[in-house]
Amino acid sequence: MRCPACGNDLREKTVGDLTVDVCEGGCGGVWFDAFELKKVDEPTESLGIQLLDVPRDESLVLDPTRKRTCPRCEGMTLMRHFFSVKCQIEVDECPKCAGVWLDHEELAKIRSLFGSEAEAKQAAREYFAEAFGPELAAVAARSDRQTRKAEKFARMFRFLCPSFYLPGKQDWGAF
């Protein structure tokens, strides 16, 4: 496999029960297959410590704006997005195989973002509440008004057309 950042050959590195592909002697990046990054993304996960210091060529300069291709899926361009709601670290992910490419030192930054999965989830809840809270509250209020109108309308018809006048047994009631 070729490194998506510098074109070097990637080498397999086994850490515990996890095997990743690293760009040793090149840019120092790491390729994680689908769901592998979740095993090392928190500071409490000891496997990740061994992947923090991948030997790299210090003289190598990368273009961060250059599009990168997936080392697993031929011709598939990696999608760049923020790793978390803090919007501090951009990672490259394959839309086909869900593998993730991390440049040198990005794993260390990811591991320092949150202390645990619970902290990450709380940060996400706070972010979404801040970003979408007013709009969601307006939609909920509008929905409540519409529900009250529908219930009022149904109560009016309950007197005009009681469910026992409808054919068949109505255990659940018509209104």
N, C-alpha and C. Protein backbone atom coordinates (compact mmCIF):
# COMPACT_ATOMS: atom_id res chain seq x y z
N MET A 1 0.86 -1.18 0.00
CA MET A 1 0.00 0.00 0.00
C MET A 1 0.89 1.23 0.00
N ARG A 2 0.38 2.27 -0.66
CA ARG A 2 1.12 3.53 -0.76
C ARG A 2 0.53 4.56 0.20
N CYS A 3 1.39 5.37 0.76
CA CYS A 3 0.98 6.43 1.67
C CYS A 3 0.17 7.48 0.91
N PRO A 4 -1.01 7.84 1.40
CA PRO A 4 -1.81 8.84 0.70
C PRO A 4 -1.24 10.25 0.79
N ALA A 5 -0.34 10.50 1.72
CA ALA A 5 0.21 11.84 1.90
C ALA A 5 1.51 12.06 1.14
N CYS A 6 2.45 11.09 1.22
CA CYS A 6 3.75 11.30 0.59
C CYS A 6 4.11 10.27 -0.48
N GLY A 7 3.33 9.20 -0.62
CA GLY A 7 3.58 8.20 -1.66
C GLY A 7 4.55 7.10 -1.25
N ASN A 8 5.07 7.14 -0.04
CA ASN A 8 5.96 6.10 0.48
C ASN A 8 5.21 4.78 0.60
N ASP A 9 5.95 3.68 0.72
CA ASP A 9 5.32 2.38 1.01
C ASP A 9 4.93 2.35 2.49
N LEU A 10 3.73 1.89 2.76
CA LEU A 10 3.27 1.74 4.15
C LEU A 10 3.71 0.39 4.67
N ARG A 11 4.07 0.35 5.97
CA ARG A 11 4.48 -0.90 6.60
C ARG A 11 3.47 -1.26 7.69
N GLU A 12 3.19 -2.55 7.81
CA GLU A 12 2.28 -3.00 8.86
C GLU A 12 2.99 -2.93 10.21
N LYS A 13 2.25 -2.46 11.20
CA LYS A 13 2.78 -2.42 12.57
C LYS A 13 1.70 -3.00 13.47
N THR A 14 2.08 -4.01 14.25
CA THR A 14 1.15 -4.66 15.15
C THR A 14 1.40 -4.17 16.57
N VAL A 15 0.31 -3.71 17.18
CA VAL A 15 0.35 -3.24 18.56
C VAL A 15 -0.76 -3.97 19.30
N GLY A 16 -0.40 -4.90 20.15
CA GLY A 16 -1.41 -5.72 20.82
C GLY A 16 -2.18 -6.52 19.79
N ASP A 17 -3.51 -6.38 19.78
CA ASP A 17 -4.35 -7.09 18.81
C ASP A 17 -4.70 -6.21 17.62
N LEU A 18 -4.04 -5.07 17.50
CA LEU A 18 -4.33 -4.10 16.45
C LEU A 18 -3.19 -4.05 15.45
N THR A 19 -3.52 -4.16 14.15
CA THR A 19 -2.51 -4.03 13.11
C THR A 19 -2.88 -2.84 12.24
N VAL A 20 -1.99 -1.85 12.19
CA VAL A 20 -2.21 -0.65 11.38
C VAL A 20 -1.09 -0.54 10.36
N ASP A 21 -1.24 0.39 9.44
CA ASP A 21 -0.22 0.63 8.43
C ASP A 21 0.39 2.00 8.69
N VAL A 22 1.72 2.05 8.81
CA VAL A 22 2.39 3.29 9.14
C VAL A 22 3.36 3.69 8.03
N CYS A 23 3.61 4.98 7.93
CA CYS A 23 4.55 5.50 6.94
C CYS A 23 5.87 5.81 7.65
N GLU A 24 6.61 4.74 7.97
CA GLU A 24 7.90 4.90 8.65
C GLU A 24 8.93 5.43 7.68
N GLY A 25 9.67 6.44 8.11
CA GLY A 25 10.71 7.02 7.27
C GLY A 25 10.16 7.98 6.23
N GLY A 26 8.86 8.13 6.17
CA GLY A 26 8.23 9.08 5.25
C GLY A 26 7.63 10.21 6.05
N CYS A 27 6.32 10.39 5.92
CA CYS A 27 5.63 11.49 6.60
C CYS A 27 5.26 11.16 8.04
N GLY A 28 5.31 9.88 8.43
CA GLY A 28 4.99 9.49 9.80
C GLY A 28 3.51 9.32 10.08
N GLY A 29 2.69 9.24 9.04
CA GLY A 29 1.25 9.08 9.20
C GLY A 29 0.87 7.64 9.50
N VAL A 30 -0.41 7.46 9.87
CA VAL A 30 -0.91 6.12 10.22
C VAL A 30 -2.25 5.90 9.54
N TRP A 31 -2.42 4.70 8.93
CA TRP A 31 -3.69 4.31 8.31
C TRP A 31 -4.40 3.33 9.24
N PHE A 32 -5.64 3.68 9.60
CA PHE A 32 -6.48 2.82 10.42
C PHE A 32 -7.61 2.30 9.55
N ASP A 33 -7.79 0.98 9.52
CA ASP A 33 -8.95 0.41 8.83
C ASP A 33 -10.20 0.76 9.64
N ALA A 34 -11.36 0.46 9.09
CA ALA A 34 -12.63 0.81 9.73
C ALA A 34 -12.65 0.36 11.19
N PHE A 35 -13.05 1.26 12.07
CA PHE A 35 -13.25 1.04 13.51
C PHE A 35 -11.97 0.82 14.31
N GLU A 36 -10.81 0.82 13.68
CA GLU A 36 -9.57 0.62 14.43
C GLU A 36 -9.18 1.85 15.25
N LEU A 37 -9.47 3.03 14.74
CA LEU A 37 -9.11 4.26 15.45
C LEU A 37 -9.80 4.34 16.80
N LYS A 38 -11.02 3.79 16.92
CA LYS A 38 -11.75 3.82 18.19
C LYS A 38 -11.02 3.06 19.30
N LYS A 39 -10.10 2.19 18.94
CA LYS A 39 -9.37 1.41 19.94
C LYS A 39 -8.21 2.19 20.57
N VAL A 40 -7.84 3.33 19.96
CA VAL A 40 -6.67 4.08 20.45
C VAL A 40 -6.91 5.58 20.59
N ASP A 41 -8.14 6.05 20.45
CA ASP A 41 -8.39 7.49 20.40
C ASP A 41 -8.54 8.17 21.76
N GLU A 42 -8.54 7.41 22.85
CA GLU A 42 -8.67 8.00 24.18
C GLU A 42 -7.36 7.82 24.94
N PRO A 43 -7.05 8.77 25.82
CA PRO A 43 -5.78 8.69 26.55
C PRO A 43 -5.68 7.48 27.48
N THR A 44 -6.80 6.89 27.85
CA THR A 44 -6.77 5.72 28.73
C THR A 44 -6.48 4.42 27.98
N GLU A 45 -6.49 4.45 26.66
CA GLU A 45 -6.24 3.25 25.86
C GLU A 45 -4.74 3.12 25.59
N SER A 46 -4.11 2.17 26.23
CA SER A 46 -2.65 2.06 26.20
C SER A 46 -2.08 1.68 24.83
N LEU A 47 -2.87 1.04 23.98
CA LEU A 47 -2.35 0.65 22.66
C LEU A 47 -1.88 1.87 21.86
N GLY A 48 -2.57 2.99 22.03
CA GLY A 48 -2.26 4.18 21.24
C GLY A 48 -0.92 4.79 21.53
N ILE A 49 -0.38 4.57 22.71
CA ILE A 49 0.91 5.18 23.08
C ILE A 49 2.01 4.73 22.13
N GLN A 50 1.97 3.47 21.71
CA GLN A 50 3.02 2.94 20.84
C GLN A 50 2.93 3.47 19.41
N LEU A 51 1.81 4.12 19.07
CA LEU A 51 1.65 4.65 17.72
C LEU A 51 1.93 6.16 17.65
N LEU A 52 2.31 6.75 18.76
CA LEU A 52 2.51 8.20 18.79
C LEU A 52 3.83 8.63 18.18
N ASP A 53 4.84 7.77 18.21
CA ASP A 53 6.18 8.15 17.73
C ASP A 53 6.60 7.33 16.52
N VAL A 54 5.93 7.52 15.40
CA VAL A 54 6.32 6.83 14.17
C VAL A 54 7.51 7.59 13.59
N PRO A 55 8.64 6.91 13.35
CA PRO A 55 9.81 7.59 12.78
C PRO A 55 9.47 8.22 11.43
N ARG A 56 9.91 9.46 11.24
CA ARG A 56 9.58 10.15 10.00
C ARG A 56 10.77 10.95 9.48
N ASP A 57 10.68 11.35 8.23
CA ASP A 57 11.68 12.19 7.58
C ASP A 57 11.33 13.65 7.88
N GLU A 58 12.11 14.29 8.75
CA GLU A 58 11.83 15.67 9.17
C GLU A 58 11.92 16.66 8.02
N SER A 59 12.66 16.34 6.97
CA SER A 59 12.82 17.27 5.85
C SER A 59 11.64 17.23 4.87
N LEU A 60 10.79 16.24 5.01
CA LEU A 60 9.65 16.08 4.12
C LEU A 60 8.58 17.13 4.42
N VAL A 61 8.17 17.87 3.39
CA VAL A 61 7.13 18.89 3.54
C VAL A 61 5.91 18.44 2.73
N LEU A 62 4.76 18.41 3.39
CA LEU A 62 3.52 17.96 2.74
C LEU A 62 2.63 19.15 2.41
N ASP A 63 1.85 19.01 1.34
CA ASP A 63 0.86 20.01 0.98
C ASP A 63 -0.47 19.59 1.61
N PRO A 64 -0.93 20.31 2.65
CA PRO A 64 -2.16 19.89 3.33
C PRO A 64 -3.43 20.06 2.49
N THR A 65 -3.35 20.82 1.41
CA THR A 65 -4.53 21.04 0.56
C THR A 65 -4.65 20.00 -0.55
N ARG A 66 -3.60 19.20 -0.77
CA ARG A 66 -3.61 18.20 -1.84
C ARG A 66 -4.62 17.09 -1.53
N LYS A 67 -5.40 16.71 -2.53
CA LYS A 67 -6.35 15.60 -2.38
C LYS A 67 -5.57 14.30 -2.24
N ARG A 68 -6.08 13.44 -1.39
CA ARG A 68 -5.41 12.18 -1.13
C ARG A 68 -6.31 11.02 -1.54
N THR A 69 -5.70 9.94 -1.95
CA THR A 69 -6.47 8.77 -2.36
C THR A 69 -6.31 7.66 -1.32
N CYS A 70 -7.32 6.84 -1.22
CA CYS A 70 -7.34 5.75 -0.25
C CYS A 70 -6.29 4.71 -0.61
N PRO A 71 -5.48 4.29 0.36
CA PRO A 71 -4.49 3.25 0.07
C PRO A 71 -5.12 1.86 -0.13
N ARG A 72 -6.35 1.66 0.32
CA ARG A 72 -7.04 0.37 0.18
C ARG A 72 -7.91 0.31 -1.08
N CYS A 73 -8.64 1.39 -1.35
CA CYS A 73 -9.61 1.41 -2.45
C CYS A 73 -9.03 2.19 -3.63
N GLU A 74 -8.77 1.50 -4.70
CA GLU A 74 -8.14 2.12 -5.85
C GLU A 74 -8.99 3.26 -6.43
N GLY A 75 -8.38 4.42 -6.57
CA GLY A 75 -9.04 5.57 -7.20
C GLY A 75 -10.04 6.30 -6.31
N MET A 76 -10.20 5.91 -5.06
CA MET A 76 -11.16 6.56 -4.16
C MET A 76 -10.48 7.72 -3.43
N THR A 77 -11.07 8.90 -3.55
CA THR A 77 -10.52 10.08 -2.89
C THR A 77 -11.00 10.13 -1.44
N LEU A 78 -10.06 10.41 -0.54
CA LEU A 78 -10.39 10.52 0.88
C LEU A 78 -11.13 11.82 1.13
N MET A 79 -12.09 11.78 2.04
CA MET A 79 -12.86 12.97 2.41
C MET A 79 -12.25 13.54 3.70
N ARG A 80 -12.01 14.84 3.69
CA ARG A 80 -11.43 15.50 4.86
C ARG A 80 -12.56 16.09 5.70
N HIS A 81 -12.53 15.82 7.00
CA HIS A 81 -13.53 16.37 7.90
C HIS A 81 -12.94 16.51 9.30
N PHE A 82 -13.62 17.25 10.16
CA PHE A 82 -13.16 17.41 11.53
C PHE A 82 -13.43 16.12 12.29
N PHE A 83 -12.51 15.79 13.19
CA PHE A 83 -12.64 14.56 13.97
C PHE A 83 -13.73 14.68 15.02
N SER A 84 -13.88 15.86 15.61
CA SER A 84 -14.86 16.02 16.69
C SER A 84 -15.55 17.37 16.59
N VAL A 85 -16.47 17.60 17.49
CA VAL A 85 -17.22 18.86 17.49
C VAL A 85 -16.35 20.04 17.89
N LYS A 86 -15.18 19.81 18.43
CA LYS A 86 -14.28 20.91 18.78
C LYS A 86 -13.67 21.55 17.54
N CYS A 87 -13.76 20.87 16.39
CA CYS A 87 -13.28 21.40 15.10
C CYS A 87 -11.83 21.84 15.15
N GLN A 88 -10.98 21.04 15.76
CA GLN A 88 -9.56 21.38 15.86
C GLN A 88 -8.69 20.50 14.97
N ILE A 89 -9.11 19.28 14.72
CA ILE A 89 -8.27 18.33 14.00
C ILE A 89 -9.02 17.80 12.79
N GLU A 90 -8.39 17.92 11.62
CA GLU A 90 -8.99 17.38 10.40
C GLU A 90 -8.35 16.03 10.10
N VAL A 91 -9.19 15.06 9.77
CA VAL A 91 -8.72 13.73 9.39
C VAL A 91 -9.22 13.42 7.99
N ASP A 92 -8.59 12.43 7.36
CA ASP A 92 -9.00 12.00 6.03
C ASP A 92 -9.64 10.62 6.16
N GLU A 93 -10.86 10.47 5.59
CA GLU A 93 -11.59 9.21 5.71
C GLU A 93 -12.06 8.75 4.34
N CYS A 94 -11.99 7.45 4.12
CA CYS A 94 -12.46 6.87 2.86
C CYS A 94 -13.98 6.65 2.95
N PRO A 95 -14.73 7.19 1.99
CA PRO A 95 -16.18 6.98 2.02
C PRO A 95 -16.59 5.55 1.68
N LYS A 96 -15.67 4.78 1.11
CA LYS A 96 -16.02 3.42 0.72
C LYS A 96 -15.70 2.40 1.82
N CYS A 97 -14.47 2.40 2.33
CA CYS A 97 -14.08 1.38 3.31
C CYS A 97 -14.07 1.91 4.74
N ALA A 98 -14.28 3.20 4.93
CA ALA A 98 -14.32 3.85 6.25
C ALA A 98 -12.98 3.84 6.98
N GLY A 99 -11.90 3.63 6.24
CA GLY A 99 -10.58 3.75 6.83
C GLY A 99 -10.25 5.21 7.08
N VAL A 100 -9.33 5.46 8.03
CA VAL A 100 -8.98 6.83 8.40
C VAL A 100 -7.47 7.01 8.33
N TRP A 101 -7.06 8.11 7.68
CA TRP A 101 -5.64 8.46 7.62
C TRP A 101 -5.39 9.61 8.58
N LEU A 102 -4.37 9.42 9.45
CA LEU A 102 -3.95 10.47 10.36
C LEU A 102 -2.53 10.88 10.02
N ASP A 103 -2.33 12.17 9.84
CA ASP A 103 -0.99 12.69 9.63
C ASP A 103 -0.20 12.60 10.93
N HIS A 104 1.10 12.83 10.83
CA HIS A 104 1.99 12.79 11.99
C HIS A 104 1.46 13.71 13.09
N GLU A 105 1.43 13.22 14.31
CA GLU A 105 1.01 13.93 15.52
C GLU A 105 -0.50 14.14 15.64
N GLU A 106 -1.29 13.79 14.66
CA GLU A 106 -2.74 13.94 14.79
C GLU A 106 -3.32 12.98 15.83
N LEU A 107 -2.75 11.79 15.94
CA LEU A 107 -3.24 10.84 16.95
C LEU A 107 -3.03 11.40 18.35
N ALA A 108 -1.89 12.02 18.59
CA ALA A 108 -1.61 12.61 19.91
C ALA A 108 -2.61 13.73 20.20
N LYS A 109 -2.93 14.53 19.21
CA LYS A 109 -3.90 15.62 19.40
C LYS A 109 -5.30 15.06 19.67
N ILE A 110 -5.67 14.01 18.95
CA ILE A 110 -6.98 13.38 19.15
C ILE A 110 -7.08 12.81 20.56
N ARG A 111 -6.02 12.16 21.01
CA ARG A 111 -6.04 11.55 22.35
C ARG A 111 -6.12 12.60 23.45
N SER A 112 -5.72 13.84 23.16
CA SER A 112 -5.76 14.88 24.19
C SER A 112 -7.05 15.70 24.15
N LEU A 113 -7.92 15.47 23.18
CA LEU A 113 -9.16 16.25 23.07
C LEU A 113 -10.10 16.03 24.24
N PHE A 114 -10.36 14.78 24.58
CA PHE A 114 -11.31 14.43 25.62
C PHE A 114 -10.69 13.38 26.53
N GLY A 115 -11.09 13.39 27.78
CA GLY A 115 -10.57 12.40 28.72
C GLY A 115 -11.23 11.04 28.58
N SER A 116 -12.50 11.05 28.10
CA SER A 116 -13.23 9.79 27.97
C SER A 116 -14.32 9.94 26.92
N GLU A 117 -14.95 8.83 26.61
CA GLU A 117 -16.06 8.81 25.64
C GLU A 117 -17.24 9.63 26.16
N ALA A 118 -17.45 9.60 27.48
CA ALA A 118 -18.54 10.37 28.08
C ALA A 118 -18.33 11.88 27.89
N GLU A 119 -17.09 12.33 28.03
CA GLU A 119 -16.79 13.76 27.81
C GLU A 119 -17.03 14.14 26.35
N ALA A 120 -16.67 13.27 25.43
CA ALA A 120 -16.88 13.53 24.01
C ALA A 120 -18.37 13.63 23.69
N LYS A 121 -19.17 12.73 24.26
CA LYS A 121 -20.62 12.76 24.02
C LYS A 121 -21.25 14.01 24.62
N GLN A 122 -20.79 14.42 25.79
CA GLN A 122 -21.31 15.64 26.41
C GLN A 122 -20.98 16.86 25.57
N ALA A 123 -19.77 16.92 25.05
CA ALA A 123 -19.37 18.04 24.18
C ALA A 123 -20.23 18.07 22.92
N ALA A 124 -20.55 16.91 22.37
CA ALA A 124 -21.41 16.84 21.18
C ALA A 124 -22.81 17.34 21.50
N ARG A 125 -23.36 16.91 22.65
CA ARG A 125 -24.69 17.38 23.06
C ARG A 125 -24.72 18.89 23.21
N GLU A 126 -23.70 19.45 23.85
CA GLU A 126 -23.63 20.90 24.05
C GLU A 126 -23.52 21.64 22.71
N TYR A 127 -22.72 21.10 21.81
CA TYR A 127 -22.54 21.72 20.50
C TYR A 127 -23.86 21.75 19.72
N PHE A 128 -24.56 20.62 19.68
CA PHE A 128 -25.81 20.55 18.94
C PHE A 128 -26.90 21.40 19.58
N ALA A 129 -26.90 21.47 20.91
CA ALA A 129 -27.87 22.33 21.59
C ALA A 129 -27.62 23.79 21.24
N GLU A 130 -26.36 24.17 21.19
CA GLU A 130 -26.01 25.55 20.84
C GLU A 130 -26.32 25.85 19.37
N ALA A 131 -26.00 24.91 18.50
CA ALA A 131 -26.17 25.13 17.06
C ALA A 131 -27.62 25.04 16.61
N PHE A 132 -28.38 24.10 17.18
CA PHE A 132 -29.73 23.85 16.68
C PHE A 132 -30.83 24.05 17.71
N GLY A 133 -30.48 24.40 18.92
CA GLY A 133 -31.45 24.54 20.00
C GLY A 133 -32.63 25.43 19.69
N PRO A 134 -32.41 26.70 19.27
CA PRO A 134 -33.55 27.58 19.00
C PRO A 134 -34.47 27.06 17.89
N GLU A 135 -33.89 26.51 16.83
CA GLU A 135 -34.70 25.99 15.72
C GLU A 135 -35.51 24.78 16.16
N LEU A 136 -34.89 23.89 16.93
CA LEU A 136 -35.61 22.71 17.39
C LEU A 136 -36.73 23.08 18.37
N ALA A 137 -36.49 24.09 19.20
CA ALA A 137 -37.52 24.54 20.13
C ALA A 137 -38.71 25.12 19.36
N ALA A 138 -38.44 25.86 18.28
CA ALA A 138 -39.52 26.42 17.47
C ALA A 138 -40.33 25.32 16.80
N VAL A 139 -39.65 24.30 16.28
CA VAL A 139 -40.34 23.18 15.64
C VAL A 139 -41.19 22.44 16.67
N ALA A 140 -40.66 22.22 17.86
CA ALA A 140 -41.41 21.53 18.91
C ALA A 140 -42.64 22.34 19.32
N ALA A 141 -42.51 23.66 19.44
CA ALA A 141 -43.66 24.50 19.80
C ALA A 141 -44.73 24.45 18.72
N ARG A 142 -44.28 24.50 17.46
CA ARG A 142 -45.22 24.43 16.33
C ARG A 142 -45.93 23.08 16.33
N SER A 143 -45.20 22.02 16.61
CA SER A 143 -45.77 20.69 16.65
C SER A 143 -46.79 20.57 17.79
N ASP A 144 -46.45 21.16 18.94
CA ASP A 144 -47.39 21.13 20.08
C ASP A 144 -48.69 21.85 19.74
N ARG A 145 -48.59 22.98 19.07
CA ARG A 145 -49.80 23.73 18.68
C ARG A 145 -50.65 22.91 17.71
N GLN A 146 -50.00 22.27 16.75
CA GLN A 146 -50.72 21.46 15.78
C GLN A 146 -51.38 20.26 16.47
N THR A 147 -50.71 19.67 17.43
CA THR A 147 -51.28 18.54 18.17
C THR A 147 -52.51 18.98 18.95
N ARG A 148 -52.42 20.12 19.61
CA ARG A 148 -53.58 20.62 20.37
C ARG A 148 -54.76 20.89 19.44
N LYS A 149 -54.50 21.45 18.27
CA LYS A 149 -55.58 21.70 17.30
C LYS A 149 -56.22 20.39 16.86
N ALA A 150 -55.41 19.40 16.58
CA ALA A 150 -55.93 18.10 16.13
C ALA A 150 -56.75 17.44 17.23
N GLU A 151 -56.30 17.53 18.47
CA GLU A 151 -57.05 16.95 19.58
C GLU A 151 -58.40 17.66 19.77
N LYS A 152 -58.40 18.98 19.62
CA LYS A 152 -59.64 19.76 19.73
C LYS A 152 -60.62 19.34 18.63
N PHE A 153 -60.13 19.20 17.43
CA PHE A 153 -60.93 18.78 16.29
C PHE A 153 -61.50 17.37 16.53
N ALA A 154 -60.69 16.46 17.06
CA ALA A 154 -61.14 15.09 17.34
C ALA A 154 -62.21 15.08 18.43
N ARG A 155 -62.05 15.91 19.45
CA ARG A 155 -63.08 15.98 20.51
C ARG A 155 -64.41 16.46 19.95
N MET A 156 -64.38 17.40 18.99
CA MET A 156 -65.63 17.88 18.38
C MET A 156 -66.34 16.72 17.68
N PHE A 157 -65.60 15.90 16.97
CA PHE A 157 -66.22 14.80 16.24
C PHE A 157 -66.63 13.65 17.13
N ARG A 158 -66.09 13.57 18.32
CA ARG A 158 -66.47 12.51 19.25
C ARG A 158 -67.97 12.62 19.57
N PHE A 159 -68.47 13.81 19.70
CA PHE A 159 -69.90 14.01 20.01
C PHE A 159 -70.77 13.84 18.78
N LEU A 160 -70.22 14.17 17.61
CA LEU A 160 -70.99 14.03 16.38
C LEU A 160 -71.06 12.59 15.90
N CYS A 161 -69.98 11.84 16.13
CA CYS A 161 -69.91 10.48 15.60
C CYS A 161 -69.23 9.59 16.64
N PRO A 162 -69.92 9.15 17.67
CA PRO A 162 -69.31 8.27 18.67
C PRO A 162 -68.81 6.98 18.03
N SER A 163 -67.76 6.42 18.59
CA SER A 163 -67.13 5.24 18.01
C SER A 163 -68.07 4.03 17.98
N PHE A 164 -69.08 3.96 18.88
CA PHE A 164 -69.96 2.79 18.84
C PHE A 164 -70.89 2.80 17.63
N TYR A 165 -70.98 3.93 16.90
CA TYR A 165 -71.77 3.95 15.67
C TYR A 165 -70.98 3.43 14.47
N LEU A 166 -69.68 3.32 14.63
CA LEU A 166 -68.84 2.83 13.52
C LEU A 166 -68.96 1.32 13.44
N PRO A 167 -68.96 0.75 12.21
CA PRO A 167 -69.08 -0.71 12.07
C PRO A 167 -67.84 -1.41 12.62
N GLY A 168 -68.04 -2.60 13.15
CA GLY A 168 -66.95 -3.40 13.67
C GLY A 168 -66.68 -3.12 15.13
N LYS A 169 -65.93 -3.98 15.75
CA LYS A 169 -65.63 -3.81 17.16
C LYS A 169 -64.44 -2.85 17.27
N GLN A 170 -64.58 -1.79 18.03
CA GLN A 170 -63.56 -0.75 18.15
C GLN A 170 -62.95 -0.78 19.53
N ASP A 171 -62.06 -1.73 19.78
CA ASP A 171 -61.41 -1.79 21.09
C ASP A 171 -60.58 -0.54 21.37
N TRP A 172 -60.02 -0.01 20.32
CA TRP A 172 -59.11 1.13 20.49
C TRP A 172 -59.87 2.45 20.42
N GLY A 173 -61.12 2.45 19.97
CA GLY A 173 -61.89 3.69 19.84
C GLY A 173 -61.54 4.39 18.55
N ALA A 174 -62.49 5.11 18.01
CA ALA A 174 -62.27 5.81 16.76
C ALA A 174 -61.54 7.12 16.97
N PHE A 175 -61.77 7.73 18.13
CA PHE A 175 -61.12 9.03 18.37
C PHE A 175 -60.42 9.01 19.69
